[in-house]
Amino acid sequence: MPKLTARRAEALKDPGHYVDGDGLALVIGRRGGKSWVLRTMVRGKRRDIGLGGYSWVSLAEAREKAREARKIARDGGDPIAQRLAHVACPTFSEAARQVHADQVVGQGSNGKHQDQWINTLVTYAFPAIGAKPVNDITQADVLAVLAPIWTDKAETARRVRQRIRTVMDWARTAGHYTGVNPVEGVNKGLSKQRDVVKHHAALHWQDVPTLLPKLGNSTAARALQFLILTAARTGEIIGARWSEIDVQERLWIIPKERMKSNREHRVPLTDEALAVLADVRGLDDDFVFPGQRIGKGLSNMAMAQLLKRVGYGDATVHGFRSSFRDWAAEKSAMPREIAELSLAHTVGNAVERAYRRSDLIEKRRDLMEKWSAHCLPSSGDVIRLETPIGKQVK
């Protein structure tokens, strides 16, 4: 009896391997892309055969393709070889645009990332391999794309490498070629990069309590206080809406459309964080931290400029996430995954995430309470609570 239905297949979102039966499974990748894969024996060897992406192959069609492939294998044939002999192989540019449509745009990632994803391939990969069929692309071709930019544009080169890998993984799953992804092992032919990791300058966690009283009472100051207390990203802060704040549950619920991970993120709000909200209530009906222009949030440079004005220009706004992470590692007894989840980072492999249905909100709340106590040992020095939170903030 098949274990999947069309409705369930449509609803599945978490990365993992969802079995339908007789070797057929729906595979959801880390970025949310769905594809059908048949696992069967071909000439005495176990093979994984891609049957196409979920967006253009229905459950019924996947079952029919699986049935045909199993019949060919039982008769001693090779389903992949037969398909390659009859199906036109897409070029790299065609495959890349298909992946972009299905796995980037189709999965709701933010517009800036969508454009950047395909534009880096158009600029750096298409001139060399765009017109080449994916089944003809070799490791030498990938090396020819990456070598000219590997040291001069290190971060861009790493992104191009990852996106070529994604395209070629899709091509293999779709049955357009067999064998190892040509991106694998290509690093052996590349020079050592000088800037493999570029960290944001961060204020030492021990100095955070010294900074906060110096920020003042401006909207930018309140936004930066809130950012530090919640360990959030700049974009999440300046885009925060009152509709995302649930005071009764003491939560800030950021919708997936505004998250880097494209997943909803719940942030536990401490007394100190709620007090910041109380202080800015009434400035705008929509944005928690409004900017100077009506209907717009705070400028993304406002908090950075404030840091410079108060003498902390060497630190970055994003670096306060590192301050929190270092404090959690050195001063908290909480497991590592609690701190990582507090930062909205992905924790564990696909199987672990599939089995962990909780975001451990209460444990994270306890961690954030301790962080707030560290940041504001005397909250009255920085934040005023003039009326009960429940009456001032909705």
Protein backbone atom coordinates (compact mmCIF):
# COMPACT_ATOMS: atom_id res chain seq x y z
CA MET A 1 0.00 0.00 0.00
CA PRO A 2 1.63 3.33 -1.03
CA LYS A 3 2.56 5.55 1.87
CA LEU A 4 2.24 8.86 0.03
CA THR A 5 -0.77 10.70 -1.27
CA ALA A 6 -0.75 13.66 -3.62
CA ARG A 7 -1.96 15.91 -0.80
CA ARG A 8 0.72 14.71 1.62
CA ALA A 9 3.46 15.03 -1.01
CA GLU A 10 2.39 18.62 -1.64
CA ALA A 11 2.36 19.44 2.08
CA LEU A 12 5.79 17.98 2.90
CA LYS A 13 8.39 20.72 3.43
CA ASP A 14 11.13 19.42 5.75
CA PRO A 15 14.29 18.00 4.16
CA GLY A 16 14.31 14.22 4.14
CA HIS A 17 13.58 10.94 2.31
CA TYR A 18 9.84 10.13 2.18
CA VAL A 19 9.11 6.57 1.03
CA ASP A 20 6.15 5.82 -1.23
CA GLY A 21 6.80 2.11 -1.72
CA ASP A 22 8.59 -0.36 -4.03
CA GLY A 23 11.76 1.74 -3.89
CA LEU A 24 10.12 5.03 -4.88
CA ALA A 25 10.69 8.03 -2.60
CA LEU A 26 10.17 11.79 -2.58
CA VAL A 27 13.47 13.45 -1.65
CA ILE A 28 13.45 17.01 -0.27
CA GLY A 29 16.79 18.77 -0.28
CA ARG A 30 18.26 21.23 2.21
CA ARG A 31 16.94 24.23 0.25
CA GLY A 32 13.48 22.69 -0.15
CA GLY A 33 13.74 21.31 -3.69
CA LYS A 34 11.65 18.15 -4.23
CA SER A 35 12.46 15.31 -6.61
CA TRP A 36 11.46 11.69 -7.20
CA VAL A 37 14.09 8.95 -6.81
CA LEU A 38 13.77 5.22 -7.41
CA ARG A 39 16.14 2.88 -5.58
CA THR A 40 16.36 -0.50 -7.32
CA MET A 41 18.81 -3.18 -8.46
CA VAL A 42 20.30 -2.80 -11.94
CA ARG A 43 22.44 -5.70 -13.18
CA GLY A 44 23.21 -6.80 -9.64
CA LYS A 45 24.04 -3.33 -8.30
CA ARG A 46 21.88 -0.98 -6.29
CA ARG A 47 21.15 2.22 -8.18
CA ASP A 48 19.37 5.45 -7.37
CA ILE A 49 17.48 6.62 -10.45
CA GLY A 50 16.18 10.18 -10.68
CA LEU A 51 12.66 10.36 -12.07
CA GLY A 52 12.31 14.14 -12.23
CA GLY A 53 11.44 17.12 -10.07
CA TYR A 54 8.19 17.25 -8.14
CA SER A 55 7.08 20.46 -9.84
CA TRP A 56 6.76 18.75 -13.25
CA VAL A 57 6.31 15.06 -12.35
CA SER A 58 3.18 14.16 -10.38
CA LEU A 59 2.97 11.29 -7.87
CA ALA A 60 1.03 9.18 -10.39
CA GLU A 61 3.59 9.89 -13.12
CA ALA A 62 6.47 9.09 -10.75
CA ARG A 63 4.88 5.72 -9.92
CA GLU A 64 4.45 4.94 -13.61
CA LYS A 65 8.06 5.91 -14.37
CA ALA A 66 9.23 3.77 -11.44
CA ARG A 67 7.19 0.82 -12.71
CA GLU A 68 8.73 1.13 -16.18
CA ALA A 69 12.26 1.44 -14.79
CA ARG A 70 11.82 -1.62 -12.56
CA LYS A 71 10.58 -3.64 -15.55
CA ILE A 72 13.62 -2.67 -17.62
CA ALA A 73 15.92 -3.59 -14.73
CA ARG A 74 14.18 -6.98 -14.23
CA ASP A 75 14.71 -7.73 -17.94
CA GLY A 76 18.43 -7.11 -17.54
CA GLY A 77 18.50 -3.61 -19.03
CA ASP A 78 19.75 -0.29 -17.68
CA PRO A 79 16.90 2.23 -17.20
CA ILE A 80 19.27 5.20 -17.02
CA ALA A 81 21.16 4.30 -20.19
CA GLN A 82 17.93 3.77 -22.10
CA ARG A 83 16.53 7.10 -20.99
CA LEU A 84 19.71 8.99 -21.86
CA ALA A 85 19.57 7.49 -25.33
CA HIS A 86 16.11 8.96 -25.95
CA VAL A 87 16.01 12.18 -23.94
CA ALA A 88 17.66 15.37 -25.13
CA CYS A 89 20.24 16.50 -22.59
CA PRO A 90 19.88 20.13 -21.47
CA THR A 91 22.78 22.55 -21.62
CA PHE A 92 24.23 23.86 -18.38
CA SER A 93 22.46 27.20 -18.83
CA GLU A 94 19.11 25.46 -19.43
CA ALA A 95 19.61 23.26 -16.38
CA ALA A 96 20.67 26.22 -14.24
CA ARG A 97 17.58 28.21 -15.17
CA GLN A 98 15.40 25.20 -14.40
CA VAL A 99 16.98 24.82 -10.96
CA HIS A 100 16.66 28.55 -10.37
CA ALA A 101 12.93 28.43 -11.20
CA ASP A 102 12.20 25.31 -9.12
CA GLN A 103 14.54 25.49 -6.15
CA VAL A 104 15.25 29.20 -5.70
CA VAL A 105 12.31 31.23 -6.99
CA GLY A 106 9.91 28.31 -6.48
CA GLN A 107 10.84 27.93 -2.82
CA GLY A 108 10.16 31.54 -1.88
CA SER A 109 13.66 32.77 -1.07
CA ASN A 110 14.08 36.55 -0.93
CA GLY A 111 14.29 38.52 -4.17
CA LYS A 112 17.87 39.67 -3.70
CA HIS A 113 19.06 36.09 -3.24
CA GLN A 114 17.01 34.90 -6.23
CA ASP A 115 18.66 37.42 -8.54
CA GLN A 116 22.13 36.89 -7.11
CA TRP A 117 21.85 33.11 -7.47
CA ILE A 118 21.35 33.12 -11.24
CA ASN A 119 23.38 36.26 -11.98
CA THR A 120 26.60 34.78 -10.56
CA LEU A 121 26.23 31.81 -12.91
CA VAL A 122 25.37 34.05 -15.87
CA THR A 123 28.49 36.14 -15.21
CA TYR A 124 31.05 33.50 -14.30
CA ALA A 125 29.83 30.06 -15.49
CA PHE A 126 27.75 30.58 -18.61
CA PRO A 127 30.57 32.04 -20.76
CA ALA A 128 32.62 28.87 -20.27
CA ILE A 129 30.08 26.05 -19.90
CA GLY A 130 26.62 27.56 -20.48
CA ALA A 131 26.20 26.04 -23.96
CA LYS A 132 27.66 22.67 -23.02
CA PRO A 133 25.31 19.69 -22.36
CA VAL A 134 25.43 18.76 -18.70
CA ASN A 135 26.45 15.17 -19.45
CA ASP A 136 29.62 16.48 -21.12
CA ILE A 137 30.74 18.73 -18.27
CA THR A 138 33.92 17.53 -16.58
CA GLN A 139 35.94 18.49 -13.55
CA ALA A 140 38.31 20.35 -15.89
CA ASP A 141 35.37 22.49 -17.09
CA VAL A 142 34.46 23.40 -13.52
CA LEU A 143 38.09 24.20 -12.79
CA ALA A 144 38.19 26.52 -15.82
CA VAL A 145 35.22 28.46 -14.38
CA LEU A 146 36.58 28.76 -10.85
CA ALA A 147 40.33 29.23 -11.31
CA PRO A 148 40.21 32.84 -12.67
CA ILE A 149 38.21 34.10 -9.67
CA TRP A 150 39.23 31.68 -6.92
CA THR A 151 41.72 33.97 -5.16
CA ASP A 152 40.67 37.44 -6.37
CA LYS A 153 36.94 36.97 -5.67
CA ALA A 154 37.06 34.23 -3.09
CA GLU A 155 33.56 34.52 -1.62
CA THR A 156 31.93 34.82 -5.04
CA ALA A 157 33.93 31.85 -6.29
CA ARG A 158 32.74 29.68 -3.41
CA ARG A 159 29.15 30.62 -4.18
CA VAL A 160 29.61 29.83 -7.87
CA ARG A 161 31.10 26.45 -6.94
CA GLN A 162 28.13 25.63 -4.70
CA ARG A 163 25.61 26.68 -7.35
CA ILE A 164 27.33 24.60 -10.06
CA ARG A 165 27.22 21.65 -7.64
CA THR A 166 23.48 22.20 -7.11
CA VAL A 167 22.80 22.33 -10.86
CA MET A 168 24.81 19.18 -11.51
CA ASP A 169 23.13 17.35 -8.62
CA TRP A 170 19.77 18.23 -10.19
CA ALA A 171 20.97 17.01 -13.61
CA ARG A 172 22.07 13.68 -12.17
CA THR A 173 18.81 13.25 -10.25
CA ALA A 174 16.87 14.06 -13.43
CA GLY A 175 18.76 11.26 -15.18
CA HIS A 176 20.82 13.38 -17.57
CA TYR A 177 24.12 11.84 -16.55
CA THR A 178 25.59 9.25 -14.21
CA GLY A 179 28.68 9.24 -12.07
CA VAL A 180 30.26 11.65 -9.63
CA ASN A 181 29.36 15.33 -9.57
CA PRO A 182 32.25 17.08 -11.42
CA VAL A 183 32.49 19.69 -8.65
CA GLU A 184 33.68 17.04 -6.20
CA GLY A 185 37.43 17.15 -5.69
CA VAL A 186 37.91 20.28 -7.81
CA ASN A 187 39.56 22.07 -4.86
CA LYS A 188 42.66 19.96 -5.41
CA GLY A 189 43.32 21.93 -8.58
CA LEU A 190 42.77 25.35 -7.01
CA SER A 191 45.11 27.62 -5.07
CA LYS A 192 44.62 28.16 -1.36
CA GLN A 193 42.30 31.08 -0.69
CA ARG A 194 43.50 33.89 1.53
CA ASP A 195 40.10 34.81 2.95
CA VAL A 196 38.25 31.55 3.45
CA VAL A 197 36.36 32.98 6.42
CA LYS A 198 35.60 36.66 6.87
CA HIS A 199 34.21 37.45 10.29
CA HIS A 200 32.18 40.50 11.26
CA ALA A 201 34.02 42.58 13.84
CA ALA A 202 32.32 41.88 17.16
CA LEU A 203 32.35 43.59 20.52
CA HIS A 204 33.59 41.28 23.26
CA TRP A 205 30.64 39.96 25.23
CA GLN A 206 32.13 41.34 28.44
CA ASP A 207 31.89 44.88 27.01
CA VAL A 208 28.23 44.75 25.96
CA PRO A 209 26.89 45.97 29.37
CA THR A 210 29.25 48.96 29.11
CA LEU A 211 27.96 49.91 25.66
CA LEU A 212 24.22 49.84 26.28
CA PRO A 213 23.95 52.84 28.68
CA LYS A 214 25.79 54.99 26.10
CA LEU A 215 23.29 54.48 23.28
CA GLY A 216 20.68 57.02 24.35
CA ASN A 217 16.95 57.02 23.63
CA SER A 218 16.67 57.45 19.85
CA THR A 219 14.80 55.01 17.63
CA ALA A 220 18.15 53.68 16.37
CA ALA A 221 19.25 53.18 20.01
CA ARG A 222 16.09 51.23 20.83
CA ALA A 223 16.49 49.15 17.68
CA LEU A 224 20.09 48.31 18.55
CA GLN A 225 19.11 47.43 22.13
CA PHE A 226 16.42 45.12 20.79
CA LEU A 227 18.84 43.57 18.30
CA ILE A 228 21.36 42.83 21.04
CA LEU A 229 18.76 41.41 23.44
CA THR A 230 17.24 39.13 20.78
CA ALA A 231 20.46 38.23 18.89
CA ALA A 232 18.62 39.03 15.65
CA ARG A 233 19.94 40.14 12.28
CA THR A 234 19.79 43.75 11.10
CA GLY A 235 17.21 43.01 8.40
CA GLU A 236 14.96 41.23 10.87
CA ILE A 237 15.06 44.25 13.20
CA ILE A 238 14.47 47.05 10.71
CA GLY A 239 11.67 45.07 9.08
CA ALA A 240 9.94 44.16 12.37
CA ARG A 241 6.17 44.79 12.41
CA TRP A 242 3.83 45.12 15.36
CA SER A 243 1.74 42.33 13.84
CA GLU A 244 4.65 39.96 14.58
CA ILE A 245 4.68 40.76 18.31
CA ASP A 246 2.66 38.56 20.67
CA VAL A 247 2.97 40.13 24.12
CA GLN A 248 0.70 37.64 25.85
CA GLU A 249 2.94 34.74 24.77
CA ARG A 250 6.07 36.94 25.05
CA LEU A 251 7.09 36.09 21.49
CA TRP A 252 8.30 37.82 18.36
CA ILE A 253 7.22 35.59 15.45
CA ILE A 254 9.18 36.42 12.31
CA PRO A 255 7.52 35.03 9.16
CA LYS A 256 9.59 32.83 6.88
CA GLU A 257 9.50 35.44 4.10
CA ARG A 258 11.75 37.68 6.20
CA MET A 259 14.15 34.97 7.36
CA LYS A 260 17.45 34.05 5.71
CA SER A 261 16.59 30.37 6.24
CA ASN A 262 13.11 30.79 4.70
CA ARG A 263 11.62 29.32 7.90
CA GLU A 264 9.44 30.99 10.51
CA HIS A 265 11.47 31.90 13.58
CA ARG A 266 10.05 32.43 17.07
CA VAL A 267 12.06 34.71 19.35
CA PRO A 268 11.36 34.60 23.11
CA LEU A 269 11.01 38.12 24.54
CA THR A 270 12.48 38.93 27.94
CA ASP A 271 11.28 41.70 30.25
CA GLU A 272 14.06 43.92 28.95
CA ALA A 273 13.11 43.27 25.30
CA LEU A 274 9.44 43.92 26.04
CA ALA A 275 10.42 47.17 27.76
CA VAL A 276 12.12 48.34 24.57
CA LEU A 277 8.89 47.65 22.70
CA ALA A 278 6.94 49.59 25.30
CA ASP A 279 9.21 52.58 24.78
CA VAL A 280 8.70 52.70 20.99
CA ARG A 281 5.00 51.90 21.01
CA GLY A 282 3.03 54.59 19.20
CA LEU A 283 5.81 55.78 16.90
CA ASP A 284 4.26 53.93 13.96
CA ASP A 285 1.23 51.70 13.47
CA ASP A 286 3.14 49.19 11.33
CA PHE A 287 6.91 49.27 11.82
CA VAL A 288 8.27 48.68 15.32
CA PHE A 289 11.31 50.83 14.52
CA PRO A 290 10.15 53.36 11.90
CA GLY A 291 12.47 55.41 9.75
CA GLN A 292 12.27 59.06 8.82
CA ARG A 293 10.18 58.35 5.72
CA ILE A 294 6.51 57.52 6.30
CA GLY A 295 5.73 53.86 5.74
CA LYS A 296 9.38 52.79 5.88
CA GLY A 297 11.40 51.02 8.54
CA LEU A 298 14.65 52.28 10.02
CA SER A 299 17.58 52.69 7.63
CA ASN A 300 19.93 49.71 7.57
CA MET A 301 22.81 52.09 8.37
CA ALA A 302 21.21 53.84 11.36
CA MET A 303 22.50 51.42 13.99
CA ALA A 304 26.00 51.30 12.49
CA GLN A 305 26.18 55.10 12.48
CA LEU A 306 25.06 55.16 16.10
CA LEU A 307 27.89 52.80 17.06
CA LYS A 308 30.38 55.20 15.46
CA ARG A 309 28.91 58.22 17.25
CA VAL A 310 29.29 56.61 20.67
CA GLY A 311 32.87 55.52 19.99
CA TYR A 312 32.38 51.87 19.01
CA GLY A 313 32.98 52.20 15.27
CA ASP A 314 35.30 49.20 15.17
CA ALA A 315 32.38 46.87 16.00
CA THR A 316 29.69 45.87 13.51
CA VAL A 317 25.99 45.54 14.18
CA HIS A 318 25.96 41.96 12.90
CA GLY A 319 28.85 41.18 15.21
CA PHE A 320 26.58 41.27 18.26
CA ARG A 321 25.33 37.84 17.21
CA SER A 322 28.92 36.65 17.69
CA SER A 323 29.03 38.43 21.05
CA PHE A 324 25.96 36.46 22.12
CA ARG A 325 27.35 33.19 20.73
CA ASP A 326 30.69 33.61 22.51
CA TRP A 327 28.93 34.47 25.78
CA ALA A 328 26.70 31.39 25.45
CA ALA A 329 29.73 29.16 24.87
CA GLU A 330 31.77 30.57 27.76
CA LYS A 331 29.17 31.41 30.40
CA SER A 332 26.11 29.27 29.70
CA ALA A 333 25.66 25.61 30.54
CA MET A 334 23.11 25.23 27.74
CA PRO A 335 23.82 22.72 24.94
CA ARG A 336 25.30 24.16 21.75
CA GLU A 337 22.12 23.56 19.76
CA ILE A 338 20.12 25.92 21.99
CA ALA A 339 22.41 28.83 21.17
CA GLU A 340 22.43 27.91 17.47
CA LEU A 341 18.63 27.76 17.36
CA SER A 342 18.50 31.12 19.12
CA LEU A 343 20.48 32.51 16.18
CA ALA A 344 18.05 30.85 13.73
CA HIS A 345 20.84 28.58 12.47
CA THR A 346 20.12 25.16 11.02
CA VAL A 347 21.11 22.47 13.52
CA GLY A 348 21.79 18.81 12.70
CA ASN A 349 21.48 16.88 9.46
CA ALA A 350 18.27 16.36 7.49
CA VAL A 351 17.31 13.22 9.43
CA GLU A 352 17.84 14.90 12.81
CA ARG A 353 15.78 17.89 11.73
CA ALA A 354 13.01 15.65 10.44
CA TYR A 355 12.66 13.99 13.87
CA ARG A 356 13.03 17.19 15.90
CA ARG A 357 9.66 18.92 15.63
CA SER A 358 10.23 21.41 18.48
CA ASP A 359 12.16 24.66 18.31
CA LEU A 360 13.00 24.27 22.04
CA ILE A 361 11.44 27.62 22.77
CA GLU A 362 11.37 27.31 26.57
CA LYS A 363 15.03 26.36 26.80
CA ARG A 364 15.84 29.24 24.47
CA ARG A 365 13.75 31.54 26.62
CA ASP A 366 15.84 30.61 29.65
CA LEU A 367 19.04 31.29 27.70
CA MET A 368 17.81 34.68 26.52
CA GLU A 369 16.77 35.63 30.08
CA LYS A 370 20.34 34.98 31.21
CA TRP A 371 21.72 36.94 28.24
CA SER A 372 19.48 39.91 29.06
CA ALA A 373 20.61 39.79 32.68
CA HIS A 374 24.20 39.93 31.49
CA CYS A 375 23.57 42.79 29.05
CA LEU A 376 21.50 44.86 31.49
CA PRO A 377 22.50 43.97 35.04
CA SER A 378 20.59 47.10 36.07
CA SER A 379 17.88 47.51 33.45
CA GLY A 380 16.70 50.80 34.92
CA ASP A 381 19.94 52.41 33.69
CA VAL A 382 18.95 51.86 30.08
CA ILE A 383 15.27 51.06 29.67
CA ARG A 384 12.23 52.63 31.32
CA LEU A 385 9.11 50.67 32.21
CA GLU A 386 6.56 53.35 32.96
CA THR A 387 3.41 51.24 32.65
CA PRO A 388 2.68 47.50 32.68
CA ILE A 389 3.72 45.90 29.39
CA GLY A 390 0.37 44.27 28.79
CA LYS A 391 -1.35 47.69 28.73
CA GLN A 392 1.15 49.47 26.53
CA VAL A 393 2.06 46.92 23.88
CA LYS A 394 -0.42 44.84 21.90
